Amino acid sequence: SSFNIYPNPASTEIKITSQLNGDGDVKIYDMTGRCMKEVHISNINDATINISDIKTGIYFIDVNGKIEKLVIE
């Protein structure tokens, strides 16, 4: 994958590190495909996203079209 998310599982925030540079779009989807959060970040290779407003569960995180599983606890 072209990015890493940590911690995973997470509770209040996630950090994204990537080999890509520049702007990026991050979307977090629940298991039904509903978008729970959408964030535009200006530095995709080192970003922090607050997820404290999302309920516990299993989600998919889409970073510029690449998808990984995200567990929020």
PDB file of N, CA and C in Angstrom:
ATOM      1  N   SER A   1       0.838  -1.193   0.000  1.00  0.00           N
ATOM      2  CA  SER A   1       0.000   0.000   0.000  1.00  0.00           C
ATOM      3  C   SER A   1       0.878   1.250   0.000  1.00  0.00           C
ATOM      4  N   SER A   2       0.333   2.346  -0.475  1.00  0.00           N
ATOM      5  CA  SER A   2       1.122   3.573  -0.573  1.00  0.00           C
ATOM      6  C   SER A   2       0.988   4.458   0.661  1.00  0.00           C
ATOM      7  N   PHE A   3       0.267   3.972   1.692  1.00  0.00           N
ATOM      8  CA  PHE A   3       0.150   4.759   2.921  1.00  0.00           C
ATOM      9  C   PHE A   3       0.019   3.830   4.119  1.00  0.00           C
ATOM     10  N   ASN A   4       0.302   4.376   5.300  1.00  0.00           N
ATOM     11  CA  ASN A   4       0.148   3.647   6.557  1.00  0.00           C
ATOM     12  C   ASN A   4      -0.724   4.455   7.492  1.00  0.00           C
ATOM     13  N   ILE A   5      -1.518   3.737   8.288  1.00  0.00           N
ATOM     14  CA  ILE A   5      -2.369   4.366   9.293  1.00  0.00           C
ATOM     15  C   ILE A   5      -1.944   3.815  10.644  1.00  0.00           C
ATOM     16  N   TYR A   6      -1.779   4.681  11.601  1.00  0.00           N
ATOM     17  CA  TYR A   6      -1.506   4.204  12.952  1.00  0.00           C
ATOM     18  C   TYR A   6      -2.032   5.213  13.961  1.00  0.00           C
ATOM     19  N   PRO A   7      -2.420   4.831  15.162  1.00  0.00           N
ATOM     20  CA  PRO A   7      -2.571   3.422  15.537  1.00  0.00           C
ATOM     21  C   PRO A   7      -3.781   2.813  14.841  1.00  0.00           C
ATOM     22  N   ASN A   8      -3.813   1.534  14.736  1.00  0.00           N
ATOM     23  CA  ASN A   8      -4.947   0.822  14.156  1.00  0.00           C
ATOM     24  C   ASN A   8      -5.026  -0.532  14.834  1.00  0.00           C
ATOM     25  N   PRO A   9      -5.927  -0.724  15.793  1.00  0.00           N
ATOM     26  CA  PRO A   9      -7.114   0.061  16.142  1.00  0.00           C
ATOM     27  C   PRO A   9      -6.781   1.425  16.760  1.00  0.00           C
ATOM     28  N   ALA A  10      -7.710   2.355  16.568  1.00  0.00           N
ATOM     29  CA  ALA A  10      -7.543   3.721  17.057  1.00  0.00           C
ATOM     30  C   ALA A  10      -8.777   4.123  17.851  1.00  0.00           C
ATOM     31  N   SER A  11      -8.654   5.214  18.618  1.00  0.00           N
ATOM     32  CA  SER A  11      -9.827   5.672  19.362  1.00  0.00           C
ATOM     33  C   SER A  11     -10.130   7.152  19.139  1.00  0.00           C
ATOM     34  N   THR A  12      -9.135   8.028  19.217  1.00  0.00           N
ATOM     35  CA  THR A  12      -9.431   9.464  19.100  1.00  0.00           C
ATOM     36  C   THR A  12      -8.837  10.107  17.854  1.00  0.00           C
ATOM     37  N   GLU A  13      -7.681   9.624  17.411  1.00  0.00           N
ATOM     38  CA  GLU A  13      -7.097  10.185  16.194  1.00  0.00           C
ATOM     39  C   GLU A  13      -6.228   9.147  15.510  1.00  0.00           C
ATOM     40  N   ILE A  14      -6.033   9.364  14.202  1.00  0.00           N
ATOM     41  CA  ILE A  14      -5.137   8.507  13.423  1.00  0.00           C
ATOM     42  C   ILE A  14      -4.091   9.379  12.754  1.00  0.00           C
ATOM     43  N   LYS A  15      -2.959   8.788  12.539  1.00  0.00           N
ATOM     44  CA  LYS A  15      -1.909   9.449  11.778  1.00  0.00           C
ATOM     45  C   LYS A  15      -1.751   8.690  10.463  1.00  0.00           C
ATOM     46  N   ILE A  16      -1.575   9.440   9.398  1.00  0.00           N
ATOM     47  CA  ILE A  16      -1.363   8.851   8.084  1.00  0.00           C
ATOM     48  C   ILE A  16       0.024   9.251   7.620  1.00  0.00           C
ATOM     49  N   THR A  17       0.812   8.264   7.241  1.00  0.00           N
ATOM     50  CA  THR A  17       2.098   8.544   6.625  1.00  0.00           C
ATOM     51  C   THR A  17       2.077   7.934   5.233  1.00  0.00           C
ATOM     52  N   SER A  18       2.709   8.603   4.301  1.00  0.00           N
ATOM     53  CA  SER A  18       2.665   8.177   2.917  1.00  0.00           C
ATOM     54  C   SER A  18       3.944   8.585   2.213  1.00  0.00           C
ATOM     55  N   GLN A  19       4.246   7.875   1.145  1.00  0.00           N
ATOM     56  CA  GLN A  19       5.375   8.271   0.316  1.00  0.00           C
ATOM     57  C   GLN A  19       4.960   9.323  -0.700  1.00  0.00           C
ATOM     58  N   LEU A  20       3.670   9.631  -0.743  1.00  0.00           N
ATOM     59  CA  LEU A  20       3.169  10.653  -1.649  1.00  0.00           C
ATOM     60  C   LEU A  20       3.364  12.030  -1.026  1.00  0.00           C
ATOM     61  N   ASN A  21       3.424  13.038  -1.838  1.00  0.00           N
ATOM     62  CA  ASN A  21       3.515  14.415  -1.365  1.00  0.00           C
ATOM     63  C   ASN A  21       2.331  15.208  -1.894  1.00  0.00           C
ATOM     64  N   GLY A  22       2.059  16.320  -1.242  1.00  0.00           N
ATOM     65  CA  GLY A  22       1.002  17.203  -1.720  1.00  0.00           C
ATOM     66  C   GLY A  22      -0.325  16.960  -1.037  1.00  0.00           C
ATOM     67  N   ASP A  23      -1.385  17.474  -1.660  1.00  0.00           N
ATOM     68  CA  ASP A  23      -2.734  17.390  -1.108  1.00  0.00           C
ATOM     69  C   ASP A  23      -3.277  15.979  -1.211  1.00  0.00           C
ATOM     70  N   GLY A  24      -4.271  15.708  -0.360  1.00  0.00           N
ATOM     71  CA  GLY A  24      -4.932  14.413  -0.431  1.00  0.00           C
ATOM     72  C   GLY A  24      -6.330  14.473   0.141  1.00  0.00           C
ATOM     73  N   ASP A  25      -7.152  13.529  -0.281  1.00  0.00           N
ATOM     74  CA  ASP A  25      -8.503  13.403   0.243  1.00  0.00           C
ATOM     75  C   ASP A  25      -8.603  12.104   1.019  1.00  0.00           C
ATOM     76  N   VAL A  26      -9.137  12.205   2.228  1.00  0.00           N
ATOM     77  CA  VAL A  26      -9.311  11.034   3.088  1.00  0.00           C
ATOM     78  C   VAL A  26     -10.801  10.883   3.355  1.00  0.00           C
ATOM     79  N   LYS A  27     -11.315   9.681   3.091  1.00  0.00           N
ATOM     80  CA  LYS A  27     -12.729   9.390   3.358  1.00  0.00           C
ATOM     81  C   LYS A  27     -12.786   8.139   4.212  1.00  0.00           C
ATOM     82  N   ILE A  28     -13.668   8.152   5.212  1.00  0.00           N
ATOM     83  CA  ILE A  28     -13.862   6.996   6.077  1.00  0.00           C
ATOM     84  C   ILE A  28     -15.289   6.505   5.875  1.00  0.00           C
ATOM     85  N   TYR A  29     -15.410   5.215   5.493  1.00  0.00           N
ATOM     86  CA  TYR A  29     -16.706   4.606   5.204  1.00  0.00           C
ATOM     87  C   TYR A  29     -17.025   3.539   6.233  1.00  0.00           C
ATOM     88  N   ASP A  30     -18.321   3.419   6.571  1.00  0.00           N
ATOM     89  CA  ASP A  30     -18.723   2.305   7.428  1.00  0.00           C
ATOM     90  C   ASP A  30     -18.903   1.053   6.563  1.00  0.00           C
ATOM     91  N   MET A  31     -19.298  -0.048   7.202  1.00  0.00           N
ATOM     92  CA  MET A  31     -19.403  -1.322   6.499  1.00  0.00           C
ATOM     93  C   MET A  31     -20.515  -1.332   5.450  1.00  0.00           C
ATOM     94  N   THR A  32     -21.462  -0.394   5.531  1.00  0.00           N
ATOM     95  CA  THR A  32     -22.526  -0.332   4.533  1.00  0.00           C
ATOM     96  C   THR A  32     -22.158   0.572   3.357  1.00  0.00           C
ATOM     97  N   GLY A  33     -20.972   1.186   3.425  1.00  0.00           N
ATOM     98  CA  GLY A  33     -20.543   2.060   2.348  1.00  0.00           C
ATOM     99  C   GLY A  33     -20.902   3.516   2.549  1.00  0.00           C
ATOM    100  N   ARG A  34     -21.462   3.849   3.708  1.00  0.00           N
ATOM    101  CA  ARG A  34     -21.825   5.242   3.986  1.00  0.00           C
ATOM    102  C   ARG A  34     -20.589   6.014   4.407  1.00  0.00           C
ATOM    103  N   CYS A  35     -20.393   7.195   3.830  1.00  0.00           N
ATOM    104  CA  CYS A  35     -19.234   8.021   4.171  1.00  0.00           C
ATOM    105  C   CYS A  35     -19.476   8.689   5.520  1.00  0.00           C
ATOM    106  N   MET A  36     -18.614   8.377   6.495  1.00  0.00           N
ATOM    107  CA  MET A  36     -18.762   8.904   7.848  1.00  0.00           C
ATOM    108  C   MET A  36     -17.962  10.186   8.063  1.00  0.00           C
ATOM    109  N   LYS A  37     -16.896  10.335   7.298  1.00  0.00           N
ATOM    110  CA  LYS A  37     -16.037  11.511   7.447  1.00  0.00           C
ATOM    111  C   LYS A  37     -15.284  11.718   6.145  1.00  0.00           C
ATOM    112  N   GLU A  38     -15.135  12.970   5.768  1.00  0.00           N
ATOM    113  CA  GLU A  38     -14.367  13.319   4.577  1.00  0.00           C
ATOM    114  C   GLU A  38     -13.495  14.515   4.936  1.00  0.00           C
ATOM    115  N   VAL A  39     -12.197  14.376   4.703  1.00  0.00           N
ATOM    116  CA  VAL A  39     -11.251  15.418   5.091  1.00  0.00           C
ATOM    117  C   VAL A  39     -10.289  15.655   3.924  1.00  0.00           C
ATOM    118  N   HIS A  40     -10.057  16.919   3.628  1.00  0.00           N
ATOM    119  CA  HIS A  40      -9.017  17.266   2.654  1.00  0.00           C
ATOM    120  C   HIS A  40      -7.787  17.680   3.446  1.00  0.00           C
ATOM    121  N   ILE A  41      -6.669  17.046   3.169  1.00  0.00           N
ATOM    122  CA  ILE A  41      -5.449  17.375   3.900  1.00  0.00           C
ATOM    123  C   ILE A  41      -4.403  17.917   2.940  1.00  0.00           C
ATOM    124  N   SER A  42      -3.626  18.851   3.438  1.00  0.00           N
ATOM    125  CA  SER A  42      -2.679  19.543   2.565  1.00  0.00           C
ATOM    126  C   SER A  42      -1.331  18.838   2.471  1.00  0.00           C
ATOM    127  N   ASN A  43      -1.045  17.945   3.434  1.00  0.00           N
ATOM    128  CA  ASN A  43       0.238  17.250   3.397  1.00  0.00           C
ATOM    129  C   ASN A  43      -0.011  15.760   3.632  1.00  0.00           C
ATOM    130  N   ILE A  44      -0.207  15.019   2.551  1.00  0.00           N
ATOM    131  CA  ILE A  44      -0.620  13.619   2.631  1.00  0.00           C
ATOM    132  C   ILE A  44       0.470  12.725   3.232  1.00  0.00           C
ATOM    133  N   ASN A  45       1.727  13.175   3.238  1.00  0.00           N
ATOM    134  CA  ASN A  45       2.773  12.275   3.744  1.00  0.00           C
ATOM    135  C   ASN A  45       2.926  12.339   5.259  1.00  0.00           C
ATOM    136  N   ASP A  46       2.190  13.223   5.938  1.00  0.00           N
ATOM    137  CA  ASP A  46       2.244  13.265   7.399  1.00  0.00           C
ATOM    138  C   ASP A  46       1.028  14.034   7.905  1.00  0.00           C
ATOM    139  N   ALA A  47      -0.067  13.317   8.159  1.00  0.00           N
ATOM    140  CA  ALA A  47      -1.318  13.973   8.540  1.00  0.00           C
ATOM    141  C   ALA A  47      -1.901  13.319   9.778  1.00  0.00           C
ATOM    142  N   THR A  48      -2.615  14.122  10.574  1.00  0.00           N
ATOM    143  CA  THR A  48      -3.340  13.605  11.735  1.00  0.00           C
ATOM    144  C   THR A  48      -4.806  13.954  11.549  1.00  0.00           C
ATOM    145  N   ILE A  49      -5.675  12.964  11.779  1.00  0.00           N
ATOM    146  CA  ILE A  49      -7.110  13.166  11.608  1.00  0.00           C
ATOM    147  C   ILE A  49      -7.827  12.784  12.896  1.00  0.00           C
ATOM    148  N   ASN A  50      -8.688  13.674  13.366  1.00  0.00           N
ATOM    149  CA  ASN A  50      -9.486  13.426  14.559  1.00  0.00           C
ATOM    150  C   ASN A  50     -10.642  12.501  14.186  1.00  0.00           C
ATOM    151  N   ILE A  51     -10.751  11.361  14.880  1.00  0.00           N
ATOM    152  CA  ILE A  51     -11.843  10.419  14.619  1.00  0.00           C
ATOM    153  C   ILE A  51     -12.713  10.218  15.860  1.00  0.00           C
ATOM    154  N   SER A  52     -12.589  11.104  16.850  1.00  0.00           N
ATOM    155  CA  SER A  52     -13.333  10.926  18.101  1.00  0.00           C
ATOM    156  C   SER A  52     -14.844  11.053  17.901  1.00  0.00           C
ATOM    157  N   ASP A  53     -15.278  11.603  16.764  1.00  0.00           N
ATOM    158  CA  ASP A  53     -16.708  11.752  16.490  1.00  0.00           C
ATOM    159  C   ASP A  53     -17.299  10.536  15.776  1.00  0.00           C
ATOM    160  N   ILE A  54     -16.503   9.492  15.562  1.00  0.00           N
ATOM    161  CA  ILE A  54     -16.988   8.294  14.878  1.00  0.00           C
ATOM    162  C   ILE A  54     -17.135   7.173  15.902  1.00  0.00           C
ATOM    163  N   LYS A  55     -18.261   6.460  15.838  1.00  0.00           N
ATOM    164  CA  LYS A  55     -18.527   5.382  16.785  1.00  0.00           C
ATOM    165  C   LYS A  55     -17.563   4.221  16.577  1.00  0.00           C
ATOM    166  N   THR A  56     -17.431   3.386  17.621  1.00  0.00           N
ATOM    167  CA  THR A  56     -16.570   2.210  17.512  1.00  0.00           C
ATOM    168  C   THR A  56     -17.095   1.271  16.420  1.00  0.00           C
ATOM    169  N   GLY A  57     -16.168   0.589  15.768  1.00  0.00           N
ATOM    170  CA  GLY A  57     -16.555  -0.348  14.721  1.00  0.00           C
ATOM    171  C   GLY A  57     -15.444  -0.529  13.710  1.00  0.00           C
ATOM    172  N   ILE A  58     -15.795  -1.251  12.649  1.00  0.00           N
ATOM    173  CA  ILE A  58     -14.842  -1.504  11.564  1.00  0.00           C
ATOM    174  C   ILE A  58     -15.220  -0.616  10.384  1.00  0.00           C
ATOM    175  N   TYR A  59     -14.223   0.068   9.851  1.00  0.00           N
ATOM    176  CA  TYR A  59     -14.433   1.021   8.769  1.00  0.00           C
ATOM    177  C   TYR A  59     -13.417   0.774   7.666  1.00  0.00           C
ATOM    178  N   PHE A  60     -13.654   1.422   6.540  1.00  0.00           N
ATOM    179  CA  PHE A  60     -12.678   1.446   5.465  1.00  0.00           C
ATOM    180  C   PHE A  60     -12.227   2.879   5.283  1.00  0.00           C
ATOM    181  N   ILE A  61     -10.924   3.062   5.163  1.00  0.00           N
ATOM    182  CA  ILE A  61     -10.393   4.400   4.949  1.00  0.00           C
ATOM    183  C   ILE A  61      -9.819   4.469   3.541  1.00  0.00           C
ATOM    184  N   ASP A  62     -10.225   5.490   2.817  1.00  0.00           N
ATOM    185  CA  ASP A  62      -9.819   5.699   1.431  1.00  0.00           C
ATOM    186  C   ASP A  62      -8.916   6.931   1.397  1.00  0.00           C
ATOM    187  N   VAL A  63      -7.663   6.718   1.029  1.00  0.00           N
ATOM    188  CA  VAL A  63      -6.707   7.822   0.901  1.00  0.00           C
ATOM    189  C   VAL A  63      -6.320   7.903  -0.570  1.00  0.00           C
ATOM    190  N   ASN A  64      -6.818   8.924  -1.243  1.00  0.00           N
ATOM    191  CA  ASN A  64      -6.545   9.124  -2.669  1.00  0.00           C
ATOM    192  C   ASN A  64      -6.795   7.861  -3.497  1.00  0.00           C
ATOM    193  N   GLY A  65      -7.892   7.163  -3.190  1.00  0.00           N
ATOM    194  CA  GLY A  65      -8.268   6.001  -3.984  1.00  0.00           C
ATOM    195  C   GLY A  65      -7.705   4.668  -3.513  1.00  0.00           C
ATOM    196  N   LYS A  66      -6.820   4.682  -2.535  1.00  0.00           N
ATOM    197  CA  LYS A  66      -6.280   3.446  -1.955  1.00  0.00           C
ATOM    198  C   LYS A  66      -7.042   3.165  -0.662  1.00  0.00           C
ATOM    199  N   ILE A  67      -7.463   1.912  -0.472  1.00  0.00           N
ATOM    200  CA  ILE A  67      -8.348   1.587   0.650  1.00  0.00           C
ATOM    201  C   ILE A  67      -7.691   0.613   1.618  1.00  0.00           C
ATOM    202  N   GLU A  68      -7.838   0.909   2.906  1.00  0.00           N
ATOM    203  CA  GLU A  68      -7.357   0.042   3.981  1.00  0.00           C
ATOM    204  C   GLU A  68      -8.472  -0.115   5.011  1.00  0.00           C
ATOM    205  N   LYS A  69      -8.379  -1.157   5.824  1.00  0.00           N
ATOM    206  CA  LYS A  69      -9.345  -1.352   6.908  1.00  0.00           C
ATOM    207  C   LYS A  69      -8.884  -0.541   8.131  1.00  0.00           C
ATOM    208  N   LEU A  70      -9.855   0.072   8.813  1.00  0.00           N
ATOM    209  CA  LEU A  70      -9.589   0.859  10.008  1.00  0.00           C
ATOM    210  C   LEU A  70     -10.521   0.383  11.111  1.00  0.00           C
ATOM    211  N   VAL A  71      -9.960   0.075  12.278  1.00  0.00           N
ATOM    212  CA  VAL A  71     -10.779  -0.331  13.426  1.00  0.00           C
ATOM    213  C   VAL A  71     -10.770   0.803  14.443  1.00  0.00           C
ATOM    214  N   ILE A  72     -11.972   1.241  14.831  1.00  0.00           N
ATOM    215  CA  ILE A  72     -12.112   2.292  15.840  1.00  0.00           C
ATOM    216  C   ILE A  72     -12.691   1.649  17.090  1.00  0.00           C
ATOM    217  N   GLU A  73     -12.001   1.848  18.208  1.00  0.00           N
ATOM    218  CA  GLU A  73     -12.460   1.236  19.470  1.00  0.00           C
ATOM    219  C   GLU A  73     -12.591   2.248  20.573  1.00  0.00           C
TER     220      GLU A  73
END
